[in-house]
Amino acid sequence: MTSTVYIAKNVYGGDGLGRLGDGRVIFVPGAWAGEQVKAEIIEEKKHFVKARLVEVVEPSAARVEPGPVVPGMVYAGLSDAGELKAKDAQLREFFERARLVDTPADLIASAEMPAHTTRYRNKVVYHFARADAKGTRWVMGYRREPGHEIVDVTDDPLARPEINAKLPDIRKQVVALLTQGADAVRRSVEKEGNVTVRWTARSGVQWWIGRAKQPVVLKEVTCGKVFEVPADGFYQVNPDVGEELAKAVVAEFRKAPTAEILDLYSGVGVFGLCCAAAEKDVRVTGVESGRQAVEFARRNAAAQGVATVRFFAEEVGRNTRRLRLTRATTVIVDPPRGGMEPNVPRWLAASDAPRILYVSCDPATLVRDLKTLCAVNYAVESVRWFNMFPRTARFETLVVLKHR
């Protein structure tokens, strides 16, 4: 069934949202706020439906002709200004619904569009699969959600130019491994199912199939400091915006510096070490569950000459009793997309730490954790978001909390 609907806004994830005549919400990917569209319903639920865009009846002024597109580029057909407006509104709505602040407009700083809105990713993971039953042809690229179809990628509009320059040769070598040589080798490569490609200005382009089986060490530079990163280790995928985010964390710490920093989910030590370099005599304690990341954090601290730092390979949620929080401690948290373990916000909320700097890549889990933190001793001081992933649905947020 096809319906004509008005798109009121774009929700987190990128879908256009409208309402049918019976009051149900309709989600239409590729439709933009302010547009009148015709959409074909493809899935029906009790309170909402999902639809496919059939025709744009009245286009938005922000609609643009998309360039090359790969799965995940939900805002490819929207102008820079339109994407910023949509994401900014989404973050504000998360805060308004959570009732974390009385006037979100006064506390949330809007992002600017990065200089590079395509060809910015320094890490990509491509899946590969047979394109025919005999395995004479193979595809290598991104999965199209929600299914498992792999879209073949020969030129990636999200990946760095340096990665794209090497992509034809990488594809050729991967296909050779899948089609030539001993059967056992070919089956082993096929079982891995993906290839990771990484680039840094210091290390160039490196790639591996499945998990890195050799000690590939990459060198990144943030805030003028060199950080060594293991092949499978986490680092921001957008170097330019990642630098902007790190500098913002350092700037917030310097507004009210403390003698101690507790860096939770510390990775290879970027935030804690950058802050330690900006202020004298700062003691940093980092906690990270990944043992390899902690090993590299210690190496980075030693290479940078930071002596007043300790990194522990522990799960944050299982070790709160061992961690010391005082009025002299600034807390930095940068959890994975799922947010902090449930007991961690409760523990932090009851502490005396004067400020908490919360870095998040998911606004839903961010506001969930903030509601716990703000229920006791803390209040939101400021919110700033960064368009770390242009043309895609996601963005990064830095929230500063102060003790009441």
Protein backbone atom coordinates (compact mmCIF):
# COMPACT_ATOMS: atom_id res chain seq x y z
CA MET A 1 0.00 0.00 0.00
CA THR A 2 1.28 3.47 -0.93
CA SER A 3 0.52 6.54 1.18
CA THR A 4 1.30 10.23 0.82
CA VAL A 5 2.80 11.60 4.04
CA TYR A 6 4.43 14.74 5.38
CA ILE A 7 7.86 14.16 6.95
CA ALA A 8 8.03 16.08 10.22
CA LYS A 9 11.63 15.26 11.15
CA ASN A 10 14.52 12.85 10.76
CA VAL A 11 14.98 10.58 13.76
CA TYR A 12 18.26 9.20 15.08
CA GLY A 13 19.36 6.68 12.49
CA GLY A 14 18.33 8.93 9.61
CA ASP A 15 14.78 7.78 8.78
CA GLY A 16 12.19 10.41 7.97
CA LEU A 17 9.23 10.35 10.39
CA GLY A 18 5.65 11.12 9.48
CA ARG A 19 2.15 10.01 10.49
CA LEU A 20 -0.54 8.08 8.67
CA GLY A 21 -4.16 9.05 8.75
CA ASP A 22 -4.84 6.48 11.50
CA GLY A 23 -2.23 8.12 13.73
CA ARG A 24 0.49 5.50 13.34
CA VAL A 25 4.07 6.68 12.90
CA ILE A 26 5.66 5.93 9.54
CA PHE A 27 9.44 5.68 9.04
CA VAL A 28 10.77 6.41 5.55
CA PRO A 29 14.52 6.11 4.85
CA GLY A 30 15.77 8.74 2.40
CA ALA A 31 12.94 11.19 3.10
CA TRP A 32 13.87 14.52 4.68
CA ALA A 33 12.17 16.84 7.16
CA GLY A 34 9.66 19.15 5.50
CA GLU A 35 9.05 16.93 2.49
CA GLN A 36 5.80 15.52 1.13
CA VAL A 37 6.47 12.01 -0.14
CA LYS A 38 4.79 8.91 -1.43
CA ALA A 39 5.89 5.82 0.47
CA GLU A 40 5.10 2.13 0.11
CA ILE A 41 4.52 0.32 3.41
CA ILE A 42 6.75 -2.76 3.67
CA GLU A 43 6.33 -3.69 7.35
CA GLU A 44 3.47 -3.04 9.74
CA LYS A 45 3.48 -2.97 13.54
CA LYS A 46 0.77 -2.00 15.99
CA HIS A 47 1.94 1.57 16.51
CA PHE A 48 4.26 2.22 13.55
CA VAL A 49 5.06 1.12 10.02
CA LYS A 50 8.21 1.01 7.93
CA ALA A 51 8.09 2.13 4.34
CA ARG A 52 10.06 2.52 1.13
CA LEU A 53 10.37 5.92 -0.53
CA VAL A 54 8.54 5.84 -3.86
CA GLU A 55 8.35 9.49 -4.91
CA VAL A 56 9.22 12.91 -3.56
CA VAL A 57 6.16 15.07 -4.13
CA GLU A 58 7.47 18.27 -2.53
CA PRO A 59 11.25 18.18 -1.93
CA SER A 60 13.11 19.87 0.88
CA ALA A 61 15.44 22.73 -0.01
CA ALA A 62 18.15 20.66 1.70
CA ARG A 63 17.77 17.70 -0.69
CA VAL A 64 20.83 17.23 -2.92
CA GLU A 65 21.83 14.78 -5.60
CA PRO A 66 23.94 12.14 -3.87
CA GLY A 67 27.37 11.21 -5.14
CA PRO A 68 28.77 7.68 -4.79
CA VAL A 69 27.00 5.86 -1.95
CA VAL A 70 27.78 2.78 0.14
CA PRO A 71 25.62 1.20 2.87
CA GLY A 72 25.49 3.37 5.97
CA MET A 73 25.52 6.72 4.17
CA VAL A 74 22.00 7.62 5.24
CA TYR A 75 22.53 11.37 4.72
CA ALA A 76 24.13 11.15 1.27
CA GLY A 77 21.13 12.93 -0.25
CA LEU A 78 21.03 15.76 2.29
CA SER A 79 23.04 18.99 2.29
CA ASP A 80 25.73 19.67 4.88
CA ALA A 81 23.48 22.16 6.64
CA GLY A 82 20.56 19.74 6.53
CA GLU A 83 22.62 16.93 8.10
CA LEU A 84 23.87 19.20 10.89
CA LYS A 85 20.36 20.44 11.61
CA ALA A 86 18.96 16.90 11.73
CA LYS A 87 21.63 15.55 14.07
CA ASP A 88 21.53 18.61 16.31
CA ALA A 89 17.75 18.27 16.67
CA GLN A 90 18.09 14.56 17.45
CA LEU A 91 20.56 15.17 20.29
CA ARG A 92 18.41 17.95 21.74
CA GLU A 93 15.36 15.69 21.66
CA PHE A 94 17.24 12.99 23.59
CA PHE A 95 18.04 15.53 26.32
CA GLU A 96 14.53 17.01 26.36
CA ARG A 97 12.87 13.62 26.69
CA ALA A 98 15.25 12.63 29.49
CA ARG A 99 14.52 15.95 31.25
CA LEU A 100 18.17 16.30 32.11
CA VAL A 101 18.26 20.06 31.67
CA ASP A 102 15.62 22.78 31.76
CA THR A 103 16.84 24.63 28.68
CA PRO A 104 18.82 22.38 26.32
CA ALA A 105 19.22 25.21 23.83
CA ASP A 106 21.44 27.07 26.28
CA LEU A 107 23.70 24.10 27.05
CA ILE A 108 24.11 22.20 23.78
CA ALA A 109 26.72 23.58 21.41
CA SER A 110 26.02 22.76 17.77
CA ALA A 111 28.71 21.11 15.66
CA GLU A 112 30.31 22.43 12.51
CA MET A 113 30.63 20.34 9.39
CA PRO A 114 34.14 18.87 9.06
CA ALA A 115 36.28 19.92 6.13
CA HIS A 116 36.04 16.38 4.76
CA THR A 117 32.53 14.91 4.64
CA THR A 118 33.63 11.95 2.54
CA ARG A 119 36.88 9.99 2.28
CA TYR A 120 37.72 10.51 5.93
CA ARG A 121 37.72 7.03 7.52
CA ASN A 122 41.14 5.69 8.49
CA LYS A 123 39.73 2.22 9.15
CA VAL A 124 37.31 0.12 7.11
CA VAL A 125 36.17 -3.48 7.42
CA TYR A 126 34.99 -5.17 4.23
CA HIS A 127 33.16 -8.49 4.14
CA PHE A 128 33.64 -10.90 1.28
CA ALA A 129 31.53 -13.75 -0.10
CA ARG A 130 30.97 -15.83 -3.20
CA ALA A 131 29.05 -14.08 -5.94
CA ASP A 132 28.19 -17.40 -7.58
CA ALA A 133 27.79 -21.00 -6.47
CA LYS A 134 31.12 -22.10 -7.99
CA GLY A 135 33.11 -19.39 -6.27
CA THR A 136 34.61 -18.08 -9.51
CA ARG A 137 33.44 -14.56 -8.65
CA TRP A 138 33.66 -12.82 -5.29
CA VAL A 139 32.28 -9.60 -3.86
CA MET A 140 34.03 -7.53 -1.21
CA GLY A 141 32.43 -4.59 0.54
CA TYR A 142 29.89 -3.48 3.15
CA ARG A 143 26.83 -5.39 4.31
CA ARG A 144 23.49 -3.82 3.49
CA GLU A 145 21.35 -3.73 6.62
CA PRO A 146 19.07 -5.23 7.83
CA GLY A 147 19.92 -8.16 5.54
CA HIS A 148 23.28 -9.74 4.89
CA GLU A 149 23.76 -8.80 1.24
CA ILE A 150 27.30 -7.60 0.55
CA VAL A 151 27.54 -4.55 -1.70
CA ASP A 152 30.72 -4.76 -3.78
CA VAL A 153 32.98 -1.75 -3.19
CA THR A 154 35.64 -0.82 -5.73
CA ASP A 155 35.85 2.85 -4.72
CA ASP A 156 34.84 3.76 -1.16
CA PRO A 157 33.45 7.29 -0.64
CA LEU A 158 33.94 6.93 3.14
CA ALA A 159 37.55 5.68 3.15
CA ARG A 160 40.67 7.82 3.06
CA PRO A 161 42.18 8.47 -0.40
CA GLU A 162 45.24 6.50 0.67
CA ILE A 163 43.05 3.44 1.32
CA ASN A 164 41.23 3.83 -1.99
CA ALA A 165 44.56 4.03 -3.82
CA LYS A 166 45.53 0.62 -2.41
CA LEU A 167 42.06 -0.94 -2.69
CA PRO A 168 42.44 -2.49 -6.20
CA ASP A 169 45.61 -4.29 -5.14
CA ILE A 170 44.09 -5.41 -1.82
CA ARG A 171 41.01 -6.78 -3.61
CA LYS A 172 43.25 -8.61 -6.07
CA GLN A 173 45.30 -10.22 -3.28
CA VAL A 174 42.21 -11.22 -1.27
CA VAL A 175 40.58 -12.85 -4.32
CA ALA A 176 43.84 -14.69 -5.06
CA LEU A 177 43.87 -16.11 -1.54
CA LEU A 178 40.25 -17.21 -1.97
CA THR A 179 40.69 -18.85 -5.37
CA GLN A 180 44.28 -20.10 -5.62
CA GLY A 181 46.48 -22.50 -3.72
CA ALA A 182 45.64 -25.33 -1.35
CA ASP A 183 41.99 -26.05 -0.53
CA ALA A 184 42.67 -25.80 3.22
CA VAL A 185 44.12 -22.30 2.82
CA ARG A 186 41.22 -21.12 0.67
CA ARG A 187 38.67 -22.50 3.14
CA SER A 188 40.51 -20.88 6.05
CA VAL A 189 40.49 -17.47 4.36
CA GLU A 190 36.82 -17.80 3.39
CA LYS A 191 35.94 -18.67 6.99
CA GLU A 192 37.49 -15.40 8.24
CA GLY A 193 34.92 -13.53 6.15
CA ASN A 194 36.36 -10.01 6.28
CA VAL A 195 39.39 -7.85 5.63
CA THR A 196 40.39 -4.81 7.69
CA VAL A 197 42.23 -1.89 6.12
CA ARG A 198 43.89 0.81 8.27
CA TRP A 199 45.77 3.99 7.45
CA THR A 200 47.76 6.42 9.55
CA ALA A 201 49.99 9.28 8.42
CA ARG A 202 52.94 7.65 10.22
CA SER A 203 52.34 4.01 9.27
CA GLY A 204 50.71 4.21 5.84
CA VAL A 205 48.17 1.56 4.74
CA GLN A 206 48.11 -1.81 6.50
CA TRP A 207 45.59 -4.60 5.99
CA TRP A 208 44.82 -8.08 7.29
CA ILE A 209 42.18 -10.79 6.94
CA GLY A 210 40.11 -11.65 10.02
CA ARG A 211 41.98 -10.86 13.22
CA ALA A 212 45.51 -9.58 12.81
CA LYS A 213 47.76 -12.63 13.17
CA GLN A 214 51.01 -10.71 13.38
CA PRO A 215 52.05 -7.88 15.68
CA VAL A 216 51.00 -4.97 13.43
CA VAL A 217 51.69 -1.72 15.29
CA LEU A 218 50.24 1.54 14.00
CA LYS A 219 51.38 5.02 14.96
CA GLU A 220 48.84 7.83 15.36
CA VAL A 221 49.36 11.46 16.34
CA THR A 222 46.93 13.32 18.61
CA CYS A 223 47.55 16.64 20.36
CA GLY A 224 51.10 16.51 19.04
CA LYS A 225 51.77 13.21 20.82
CA VAL A 226 52.61 9.93 19.09
CA PHE A 227 50.45 7.00 20.15
CA GLU A 228 51.20 3.40 19.26
CA VAL A 229 48.06 1.35 18.60
CA PRO A 230 47.71 -2.41 18.09
CA ALA A 231 46.19 -3.48 14.78
CA ASP A 232 42.80 -4.36 16.25
CA GLY A 233 42.90 -1.57 18.85
CA PHE A 234 40.39 1.26 19.01
CA TYR A 235 41.24 4.73 17.71
CA GLN A 236 38.92 7.38 16.32
CA VAL A 237 38.24 6.65 12.63
CA ASN A 238 38.15 10.33 11.65
CA PRO A 239 41.61 11.77 12.39
CA ASP A 240 40.64 15.44 11.97
CA VAL A 241 37.54 15.34 14.16
CA GLY A 242 39.25 12.96 16.58
CA GLU A 243 41.90 15.63 17.11
CA GLU A 244 39.18 18.23 17.70
CA LEU A 245 37.50 16.00 20.28
CA ALA A 246 40.74 15.29 22.16
CA LYS A 247 41.57 19.01 22.28
CA ALA A 248 38.08 19.74 23.61
CA VAL A 249 38.55 17.21 26.44
CA VAL A 250 41.91 18.78 27.32
CA ALA A 251 40.41 22.27 27.22
CA GLU A 252 37.60 21.24 29.58
CA PHE A 253 40.09 19.70 32.00
CA ARG A 254 42.22 22.85 31.96
CA LYS A 255 39.22 25.00 32.89
CA ALA A 256 39.28 23.43 36.37
CA PRO A 257 42.40 21.25 36.62
CA THR A 258 42.78 18.75 39.43
CA ALA A 259 45.73 16.84 40.80
CA GLU A 260 44.27 13.51 39.68
CA ILE A 261 42.54 12.10 36.61
CA LEU A 262 40.62 8.83 36.56
CA ASP A 263 40.42 7.76 32.92
CA LEU A 264 37.78 5.03 32.58
CA TYR A 265 37.60 2.86 29.43
CA SER A 266 40.97 4.43 28.67
CA GLY A 267 41.99 2.48 25.57
CA VAL A 268 45.59 3.25 24.62
CA GLY A 269 45.57 6.28 26.93
CA VAL A 270 44.76 9.16 24.59
CA PHE A 271 42.58 11.39 26.79
CA GLY A 272 44.46 10.85 30.04
CA LEU A 273 47.91 11.33 28.52
CA CYS A 274 46.88 14.39 26.51
CA CYS A 275 45.50 15.99 29.67
CA ALA A 276 48.63 15.06 31.65
CA ALA A 277 50.77 16.74 29.01
CA ALA A 278 48.74 19.94 29.26
CA GLU A 279 49.05 20.42 33.04
CA LYS A 280 52.01 19.80 35.35
CA ASP A 281 52.05 17.25 38.16
CA VAL A 282 48.83 15.47 37.19
CA ARG A 283 48.49 11.85 38.30
CA VAL A 284 46.56 9.68 35.85
CA THR A 285 44.92 6.34 36.59
CA GLY A 286 43.54 4.53 33.56
CA VAL A 287 41.25 1.51 33.58
CA GLU A 288 40.59 -0.56 30.46
CA SER A 289 39.38 -4.15 30.04
CA GLY A 290 41.52 -4.87 26.98
CA ARG A 291 44.90 -6.17 28.10
CA GLN A 292 46.60 -5.36 24.82
CA ALA A 293 45.29 -1.79 24.91
CA VAL A 294 46.64 -1.38 28.44
CA GLU A 295 50.04 -2.69 27.36
CA PHE A 296 50.13 -0.04 24.63
CA ALA A 297 48.89 2.67 27.01
CA ARG A 298 51.85 1.94 29.28
CA ARG A 299 54.19 2.01 26.29
CA ASN A 300 52.77 5.33 25.17
CA ALA A 301 53.17 6.84 28.64
CA ALA A 302 56.78 5.69 28.80
CA ALA A 303 57.57 6.97 25.30
CA GLN A 304 56.02 10.34 26.13
CA GLY A 305 57.93 10.57 29.41
CA VAL A 306 54.82 10.62 31.60
CA ALA A 307 55.85 9.03 34.90
CA THR A 308 52.82 9.87 37.04
CA VAL A 309 50.47 7.44 35.35
CA ARG A 310 49.12 3.94 36.03
CA PHE A 311 47.04 1.81 33.68
CA PHE A 312 45.16 -1.28 34.82
CA ALA A 313 43.72 -4.11 32.72
CA GLU A 314 40.40 -4.51 34.51
CA GLU A 315 36.68 -4.27 33.80
CA VAL A 316 35.49 -0.97 35.22
CA GLY A 317 32.23 -2.37 36.57
CA ARG A 318 33.98 -5.09 38.55
CA ASN A 319 36.58 -2.88 40.18
CA THR A 320 34.85 0.23 41.48
CA ARG A 321 35.67 -0.64 45.10
CA ARG A 322 39.37 -0.50 44.29
CA LEU A 323 39.22 2.89 42.61
CA ARG A 324 39.71 6.02 44.67
CA LEU A 325 37.62 9.14 43.98
CA THR A 326 38.15 12.40 45.86
CA ARG A 327 37.53 16.11 45.43
CA ALA A 328 40.91 16.20 43.71
CA THR A 329 39.82 13.81 40.92
CA THR A 330 38.51 14.65 37.46
CA VAL A 331 36.82 11.66 35.85
CA ILE A 332 36.97 11.00 32.11
CA VAL A 333 34.72 8.27 30.72
CA ASP A 334 34.67 7.05 27.13
CA PRO A 335 32.69 3.78 27.17
CA PRO A 336 31.80 1.64 24.17
CA ARG A 337 28.50 2.13 22.35
CA GLY A 338 26.59 0.21 25.03
CA GLY A 339 27.53 2.81 27.66
CA MET A 340 28.78 2.14 31.16
CA GLU A 341 27.96 -1.01 33.11
CA PRO A 342 24.86 -0.34 35.29
CA ASN A 343 26.76 -0.09 38.58
CA VAL A 344 29.31 2.43 37.29
CA PRO A 345 27.00 5.47 36.93
CA ARG A 346 25.57 4.73 40.39
CA TRP A 347 29.07 4.59 41.86
CA LEU A 348 30.15 7.80 40.13
CA ALA A 349 26.91 9.56 41.13
CA ALA A 350 27.69 9.03 44.81
CA SER A 351 31.27 10.33 44.52
CA ASP A 352 32.84 13.68 45.39
CA ALA A 353 34.67 14.13 42.07
CA PRO A 354 34.15 17.79 41.08
CA ARG A 355 33.70 17.12 37.36
CA ILE A 356 33.00 14.23 34.99
CA LEU A 357 33.84 14.48 31.28
CA TYR A 358 31.68 11.93 29.45
CA VAL A 359 32.54 11.10 25.82
CA SER A 360 29.88 9.07 24.01
CA CYS A 361 29.21 7.68 20.54
CA ASP A 362 25.57 6.80 21.27
CA PRO A 363 23.07 9.40 22.57
CA ALA A 364 20.60 6.78 23.82
CA THR A 365 23.04 5.11 26.22
CA LEU A 366 24.52 8.50 27.04
CA VAL A 367 21.27 9.96 28.39
CA ARG A 368 20.49 6.68 30.14
CA ASP A 369 23.73 6.99 32.13
CA LEU A 370 23.32 10.74 32.63
CA LYS A 371 19.89 10.25 34.24
CA THR A 372 21.56 8.14 36.94
CA LEU A 373 24.43 10.57 37.40
CA CYS A 374 22.16 13.61 37.59
CA ALA A 375 19.72 11.99 40.03
CA VAL A 376 22.12 12.47 42.95
CA ASN A 377 25.11 14.79 42.97
CA TYR A 378 25.69 16.01 39.41
CA ALA A 379 24.24 18.47 36.91
CA VAL A 380 24.93 18.95 33.21
CA GLU A 381 27.25 21.91 32.72
CA SER A 382 27.66 21.75 28.94
CA VAL A 383 27.08 19.53 25.92
CA ARG A 384 29.03 19.63 22.68
CA TRP A 385 28.67 17.26 19.79
CA PHE A 386 31.09 16.43 16.97
CA ASN A 387 30.18 15.20 13.49
CA MET A 388 32.73 12.41 13.68
CA PHE A 389 30.94 10.32 11.05
CA PRO A 390 29.61 12.62 8.28
CA ARG A 391 26.98 11.20 5.91
CA THR A 392 26.23 8.41 8.39
CA ALA A 393 23.74 8.32 11.26
CA ARG A 394 26.24 8.58 14.10
CA PHE A 395 28.04 11.38 15.91
CA GLU A 396 30.17 11.88 19.03
CA THR A 397 29.17 13.87 22.13
CA LEU A 398 31.14 15.41 25.00
CA VAL A 399 29.14 16.16 28.16
CA VAL A 400 30.62 18.02 31.12
CA LEU A 401 29.03 17.27 34.50
CA LYS A 402 29.72 19.31 37.62
CA HIS A 403 29.19 18.33 41.26
CA ARG A 404 26.32 20.20 42.83
